[in-house]
Amino acid sequence: MSEGPKVLKLKDMIDYQEGSIVSKTIIDRETGTVTLFAFDEGQGLSEHTAPYDAMVYAIEGDVEITISGKPYHLKEGDMIVMPANEPHALKALSRFKMLLVMVRG
């Protein structure tokens, strides 16, 4: 028998690993994904593009996200939408956790 829905704390669902980026997929559907990430300080993602809009929600820490060459500083509680097909990159300014929601529809 299935457990059914339960209330969880995003911050507690993923742990940091020294010198690494950790990810945990929560939802993976044809129409989109929801993924948790934990970045150790100084870790990041190099510039890339995605064919879909993606929303980043900062759960903990500080990050600099660059979209089409313009930097944005996010801290706990902030969110930003990265438009489809625009180059973006990410660098954790401290240990940083985020929720990434990608919409494919």
Protein backbone atom coordinates (compact mmCIF):
# COMPACT_ATOMS: atom_id res chain seq x y z
CA MET A 1 0.00 0.00 0.00
CA SER A 2 1.30 3.48 -0.94
CA GLU A 3 2.36 5.94 1.76
CA GLY A 4 0.53 8.81 0.08
CA PRO A 5 1.48 12.47 0.24
CA LYS A 6 3.57 13.79 3.11
CA VAL A 7 4.87 17.18 4.16
CA LEU A 8 8.64 17.55 3.81
CA LYS A 9 11.19 20.32 4.36
CA LEU A 10 13.13 20.99 1.14
CA LYS A 11 16.18 22.10 3.11
CA ASP A 12 16.40 18.70 4.82
CA MET A 13 15.87 16.56 1.71
CA ILE A 14 19.43 16.97 0.38
CA ASP A 15 22.86 17.22 2.02
CA TYR A 16 26.07 18.98 1.01
CA GLN A 17 29.16 17.06 -0.05
CA GLU A 18 32.52 18.81 0.22
CA GLY A 19 33.81 20.04 -3.13
CA SER A 20 30.78 18.71 -4.97
CA ILE A 21 27.35 19.32 -6.42
CA VAL A 22 24.61 16.95 -5.28
CA SER A 23 21.25 16.59 -7.05
CA LYS A 24 18.06 14.76 -6.19
CA THR A 25 15.15 14.44 -8.62
CA ILE A 26 11.76 14.85 -6.97
CA ILE A 27 9.53 14.75 -10.09
CA ASP A 28 10.54 13.58 -13.56
CA ARG A 29 7.79 13.73 -16.16
CA GLU A 30 7.63 14.29 -19.89
CA THR A 31 6.15 17.75 -19.20
CA GLY A 32 8.85 18.84 -16.73
CA THR A 33 11.15 18.12 -13.83
CA VAL A 34 11.61 19.25 -10.24
CA THR A 35 15.14 18.75 -8.90
CA LEU A 36 16.90 19.70 -5.66
CA PHE A 37 20.56 20.74 -5.78
CA ALA A 38 23.17 21.30 -3.06
CA PHE A 39 26.36 23.13 -4.11
CA ASP A 40 29.43 23.36 -1.93
CA GLU A 41 30.87 26.89 -1.76
CA GLY A 42 32.62 27.82 -5.02
CA GLN A 43 30.96 25.06 -7.04
CA GLY A 44 28.86 25.92 -10.06
CA LEU A 45 27.55 25.13 -13.49
CA SER A 46 29.36 26.49 -16.54
CA GLU A 47 27.47 28.50 -19.13
CA HIS A 48 24.92 26.46 -21.07
CA THR A 49 21.47 26.78 -22.61
CA ALA A 50 18.30 24.75 -22.21
CA PRO A 51 15.40 24.52 -24.63
CA TYR A 52 12.86 25.10 -21.82
CA ASP A 53 12.08 27.77 -19.23
CA ALA A 54 13.48 26.94 -15.80
CA MET A 55 12.75 28.45 -12.40
CA VAL A 56 15.36 28.51 -9.64
CA TYR A 57 14.20 28.90 -6.02
CA ALA A 58 16.99 29.56 -3.50
CA ILE A 59 16.42 27.41 -0.41
CA GLU A 60 19.61 28.24 1.50
CA GLY A 61 22.81 30.23 0.95
CA ASP A 62 23.89 32.68 -1.77
CA VAL A 63 24.41 32.22 -5.49
CA GLU A 64 25.28 34.28 -8.54
CA ILE A 65 23.31 33.29 -11.62
CA THR A 66 24.34 34.85 -14.92
CA ILE A 67 21.70 34.97 -17.65
CA SER A 68 22.73 36.25 -21.10
CA GLY A 69 25.79 37.91 -19.53
CA LYS A 70 23.90 39.72 -16.73
CA PRO A 71 24.60 38.60 -13.13
CA TYR A 72 21.82 38.15 -10.56
CA HIS A 73 22.49 37.58 -6.85
CA LEU A 74 20.00 35.30 -5.10
CA LYS A 75 19.77 34.43 -1.43
CA GLU A 76 17.42 32.29 0.64
CA GLY A 77 13.80 32.81 -0.43
CA ASP A 78 14.61 34.43 -3.80
CA MET A 79 13.62 32.99 -7.16
CA ILE A 80 14.36 33.72 -10.81
CA VAL A 81 13.14 32.38 -14.14
CA MET A 82 15.81 31.49 -16.68
CA PRO A 83 14.19 31.85 -20.12
CA ALA A 84 14.51 29.07 -22.68
CA ASN A 85 17.46 29.27 -25.07
CA GLU A 86 19.27 32.03 -23.12
CA PRO A 87 22.79 31.16 -21.93
CA HIS A 88 23.07 30.89 -18.16
CA ALA A 89 25.64 29.87 -15.55
CA LEU A 90 25.68 29.50 -11.78
CA LYS A 91 28.29 29.93 -9.04
CA ALA A 92 27.66 29.22 -5.35
CA LEU A 93 28.97 32.16 -3.27
CA SER A 94 28.43 30.07 -0.11
CA ARG A 95 27.06 26.60 0.42
CA PHE A 96 23.84 26.80 -1.57
CA LYS A 97 20.67 24.72 -1.99
CA MET A 98 18.12 25.32 -4.72
CA LEU A 99 15.01 23.86 -6.24
CA LEU A 100 15.03 23.78 -10.04
CA VAL A 101 11.69 23.51 -11.82
CA MET A 102 11.95 22.93 -15.58
CA VAL A 103 8.78 23.19 -17.65
CA ARG A 104 8.86 21.34 -20.97
CA GLY A 105 5.28 22.06 -22.01
